């Protein structure tokens, strides 16, 4: 979510050539916006209106294009 430059050149090229994009570490490898940040508050507000979590909002946003899929990961079983 913090780096979106790919949307301007890479994503259109991939869609035109039937190439899938993989969003590795879609939660930013530990830099997901916290509740005290503007981005975190926006994600939380969107999530609350839909009855989901902020991370579910992020995944829905990142995978809104048919050519993009995400591989979320975790460092903890919980």
N, C-alpha and C. Protein backbone atom coordinates (compact mmCIF):
# COMPACT_ATOMS: atom_id res chain seq x y z
N UNK A 1 0.81 -1.20 0.00
CA UNK A 1 0.00 0.00 0.00
C UNK A 1 0.85 1.26 0.00
N UNK A 2 2.03 1.16 0.54
CA UNK A 2 2.90 2.32 0.61
C UNK A 2 3.62 2.63 -0.68
N UNK A 3 3.76 1.65 -1.54
CA UNK A 3 4.48 1.83 -2.81
C UNK A 3 3.53 1.47 -3.94
N UNK A 4 3.10 2.49 -4.71
CA UNK A 4 2.09 2.24 -5.73
C UNK A 4 2.56 2.59 -7.13
N UNK A 5 3.84 2.83 -7.33
CA UNK A 5 4.36 3.21 -8.64
C UNK A 5 4.10 2.13 -9.69
N UNK A 6 4.02 0.89 -9.27
CA UNK A 6 3.80 -0.23 -10.18
C UNK A 6 2.49 -0.07 -10.97
N UNK A 7 1.52 0.63 -10.41
CA UNK A 7 0.21 0.78 -11.05
C UNK A 7 0.26 1.59 -12.33
N UNK A 8 1.29 2.40 -12.51
CA UNK A 8 1.34 3.32 -13.64
C UNK A 8 1.95 2.73 -14.90
N UNK A 9 2.90 1.83 -14.77
CA UNK A 9 3.56 1.29 -15.95
C UNK A 9 3.58 -0.23 -15.95
N UNK A 10 3.98 -0.82 -14.85
CA UNK A 10 4.14 -2.27 -14.81
C UNK A 10 2.80 -2.99 -14.91
N UNK A 11 1.83 -2.59 -14.11
CA UNK A 11 0.54 -3.27 -14.11
C UNK A 11 -0.15 -3.20 -15.48
N UNK A 12 -0.23 -2.04 -16.12
CA UNK A 12 -0.85 -2.02 -17.46
C UNK A 12 -0.13 -2.92 -18.46
N UNK A 13 1.21 -2.94 -18.42
CA UNK A 13 1.95 -3.79 -19.34
C UNK A 13 1.62 -5.26 -19.07
N UNK A 14 1.61 -5.65 -17.81
CA UNK A 14 1.32 -7.03 -17.45
C UNK A 14 -0.09 -7.42 -17.88
N UNK A 15 -1.05 -6.52 -17.69
CA UNK A 15 -2.42 -6.84 -18.09
C UNK A 15 -2.53 -6.98 -19.61
N UNK A 16 -1.83 -6.16 -20.36
CA UNK A 16 -1.86 -6.25 -21.82
C UNK A 16 -1.23 -7.52 -22.33
N UNK A 17 -0.28 -8.08 -21.58
CA UNK A 17 0.46 -9.26 -22.01
C UNK A 17 0.10 -10.53 -21.22
N UNK A 18 -1.01 -10.48 -20.50
CA UNK A 18 -1.48 -11.63 -19.72
C UNK A 18 -0.44 -12.18 -18.75
N UNK A 19 0.20 -11.27 -18.05
CA UNK A 19 1.19 -11.64 -17.05
C UNK A 19 0.62 -11.31 -15.67
N UNK A 20 0.64 -12.26 -14.77
CA UNK A 20 0.13 -12.03 -13.42
C UNK A 20 1.18 -11.31 -12.57
N UNK A 21 0.69 -10.53 -11.63
CA UNK A 21 1.54 -9.84 -10.67
C UNK A 21 1.33 -10.46 -9.30
N UNK A 22 2.40 -10.62 -8.56
CA UNK A 22 2.31 -11.18 -7.21
C UNK A 22 2.66 -10.09 -6.21
N UNK A 23 1.76 -9.86 -5.27
CA UNK A 23 2.01 -8.90 -4.19
C UNK A 23 2.61 -9.67 -3.02
N UNK A 24 3.93 -9.77 -3.01
CA UNK A 24 4.61 -10.41 -1.89
C UNK A 24 4.60 -9.45 -0.71
N UNK A 25 4.43 -9.97 0.47
CA UNK A 25 4.38 -9.16 1.69
C UNK A 25 3.42 -7.98 1.53
N UNK A 26 2.15 -8.24 1.22
CA UNK A 26 1.22 -7.15 0.95
C UNK A 26 0.94 -6.25 2.16
N UNK A 27 1.36 -6.69 3.34
CA UNK A 27 1.16 -5.86 4.52
C UNK A 27 2.39 -5.03 4.86
N UNK A 28 3.37 -5.00 3.97
CA UNK A 28 4.51 -4.11 4.12
C UNK A 28 5.63 -4.60 5.01
N UNK A 29 5.74 -5.87 5.26
CA UNK A 29 6.84 -6.41 6.08
C UNK A 29 7.02 -5.65 7.39
N UNK A 30 5.94 -5.50 8.12
CA UNK A 30 6.01 -4.84 9.42
C UNK A 30 5.71 -3.35 9.38
N UNK A 31 5.41 -2.81 8.21
CA UNK A 31 5.12 -1.38 8.14
C UNK A 31 3.65 -1.09 7.81
N UNK A 32 2.75 -2.02 8.14
CA UNK A 32 1.33 -1.79 7.91
C UNK A 32 0.90 -0.59 8.75
N UNK A 33 0.09 0.32 8.19
CA UNK A 33 -0.27 1.53 8.92
C UNK A 33 -0.97 1.22 10.25
N UNK A 34 -0.43 1.78 11.31
CA UNK A 34 -1.00 1.57 12.63
C UNK A 34 -2.19 2.47 12.89
N UNK A 35 -2.96 2.17 13.94
CA UNK A 35 -4.17 2.93 14.24
C UNK A 35 -3.90 4.41 14.55
N UNK A 36 -2.68 4.75 14.91
CA UNK A 36 -2.36 6.14 15.23
C UNK A 36 -1.97 6.98 14.02
N UNK A 37 -1.94 6.36 12.85
CA UNK A 37 -1.56 7.09 11.63
C UNK A 37 -2.80 7.44 10.83
N UNK A 38 -2.68 8.41 9.95
CA UNK A 38 -3.82 8.80 9.09
C UNK A 38 -4.26 7.61 8.24
N UNK A 39 -3.29 6.92 7.62
CA UNK A 39 -3.62 5.77 6.77
C UNK A 39 -4.28 4.66 7.59
N UNK A 40 -3.79 4.45 8.80
CA UNK A 40 -4.38 3.44 9.67
C UNK A 40 -5.80 3.76 10.06
N UNK A 41 -6.06 5.04 10.33
CA UNK A 41 -7.43 5.45 10.68
C UNK A 41 -8.37 5.29 9.48
N UNK A 42 -7.89 5.62 8.28
CA UNK A 42 -8.72 5.47 7.08
C UNK A 42 -9.03 3.99 6.85
N UNK A 43 -8.02 3.14 6.94
CA UNK A 43 -8.24 1.68 6.76
C UNK A 43 -9.23 1.17 7.80
N UNK A 44 -9.08 1.61 9.05
CA UNK A 44 -9.97 1.15 10.11
C UNK A 44 -11.40 1.63 9.87
N UNK A 45 -11.57 2.85 9.39
CA UNK A 45 -12.91 3.38 9.11
C UNK A 45 -13.59 2.60 7.99
N UNK A 46 -12.84 2.34 6.93
CA UNK A 46 -13.38 1.55 5.81
C UNK A 46 -13.74 0.15 6.29
N UNK A 47 -12.85 -0.44 7.07
CA UNK A 47 -13.08 -1.79 7.58
C UNK A 47 -14.32 -1.85 8.47
N UNK A 48 -14.48 -0.86 9.34
CA UNK A 48 -15.63 -0.85 10.26
C UNK A 48 -16.95 -0.77 9.51
N UNK A 49 -16.99 0.01 8.43
CA UNK A 49 -18.25 0.13 7.69
C UNK A 49 -18.61 -1.15 6.95
N UNK A 50 -17.62 -2.02 6.75
CA UNK A 50 -17.86 -3.27 6.02
C UNK A 50 -17.81 -4.52 6.91
N UNK A 51 -17.53 -4.31 8.18
CA UNK A 51 -17.48 -5.45 9.10
C UNK A 51 -16.31 -6.38 8.87
N UNK A 52 -15.17 -5.82 8.44
CA UNK A 52 -13.97 -6.61 8.20
C UNK A 52 -12.80 -5.95 8.93
N UNK A 53 -11.62 -6.53 8.80
CA UNK A 53 -10.43 -5.97 9.42
C UNK A 53 -9.71 -5.04 8.44
N UNK A 54 -8.87 -4.14 8.95
CA UNK A 54 -8.08 -3.29 8.06
C UNK A 54 -7.21 -4.10 7.09
N UNK A 55 -6.70 -5.23 7.52
CA UNK A 55 -5.88 -6.05 6.62
C UNK A 55 -6.72 -6.68 5.51
N UNK A 56 -7.97 -7.00 5.80
CA UNK A 56 -8.85 -7.49 4.74
C UNK A 56 -9.14 -6.40 3.72
N UNK A 57 -9.27 -5.16 4.18
CA UNK A 57 -9.45 -4.03 3.27
C UNK A 57 -8.22 -3.90 2.37
N UNK A 58 -7.04 -4.00 2.96
CA UNK A 58 -5.81 -3.89 2.19
C UNK A 58 -5.71 -4.99 1.13
N UNK A 59 -6.04 -6.22 1.50
CA UNK A 59 -5.99 -7.32 0.54
C UNK A 59 -7.00 -7.12 -0.59
N UNK A 60 -8.20 -6.65 -0.25
CA UNK A 60 -9.21 -6.40 -1.29
C UNK A 60 -8.73 -5.32 -2.25
N UNK A 61 -8.11 -4.28 -1.70
CA UNK A 61 -7.59 -3.21 -2.55
C UNK A 61 -6.48 -3.71 -3.46
N UNK A 62 -5.56 -4.47 -2.89
CA UNK A 62 -4.41 -4.94 -3.66
C UNK A 62 -4.80 -5.95 -4.74
N UNK A 63 -5.86 -6.69 -4.51
CA UNK A 63 -6.25 -7.72 -5.48
C UNK A 63 -7.48 -7.32 -6.30
N UNK A 64 -7.75 -6.03 -6.39
CA UNK A 64 -8.92 -5.56 -7.13
C UNK A 64 -8.79 -5.77 -8.64
N UNK A 65 -7.58 -5.92 -9.12
CA UNK A 65 -7.35 -6.20 -10.54
C UNK A 65 -7.23 -7.71 -10.72
N UNK A 66 -7.83 -8.25 -11.77
CA UNK A 66 -7.79 -9.71 -11.96
C UNK A 66 -6.38 -10.27 -12.16
N UNK A 67 -5.44 -9.44 -12.58
CA UNK A 67 -4.09 -9.93 -12.83
C UNK A 67 -3.19 -9.91 -11.59
N UNK A 68 -3.73 -9.48 -10.45
CA UNK A 68 -2.91 -9.37 -9.23
C UNK A 68 -3.41 -10.36 -8.19
N UNK A 69 -2.48 -11.08 -7.59
CA UNK A 69 -2.82 -11.91 -6.44
C UNK A 69 -1.78 -11.68 -5.36
N UNK A 70 -2.18 -11.91 -4.13
CA UNK A 70 -1.32 -11.58 -2.99
C UNK A 70 -0.92 -12.84 -2.23
N UNK A 71 0.27 -12.77 -1.66
CA UNK A 71 0.76 -13.85 -0.80
C UNK A 71 1.09 -13.23 0.56
N UNK A 72 0.08 -13.14 1.43
CA UNK A 72 0.35 -12.63 2.78
C UNK A 72 1.18 -13.65 3.54
N UNK A 73 2.00 -13.17 4.41
CA UNK A 73 2.81 -14.08 5.24
C UNK A 73 2.79 -13.59 6.68
N UNK A 74 3.29 -14.44 7.55
CA UNK A 74 3.36 -14.06 8.95
C UNK A 74 4.63 -14.66 9.56
N UNK A 75 5.06 -14.03 10.58
CA UNK A 75 6.20 -14.54 11.32
C UNK A 75 5.78 -15.21 12.61
N UNK A 76 4.45 -15.21 12.85
CA UNK A 76 3.91 -15.78 14.09
C UNK A 76 2.70 -16.63 13.76
N UNK A 77 2.57 -17.74 14.42
CA UNK A 77 1.43 -18.64 14.18
C UNK A 77 0.11 -17.97 14.52
N UNK A 78 0.08 -17.14 15.54
CA UNK A 78 -1.17 -16.45 15.95
C UNK A 78 -1.61 -15.51 14.85
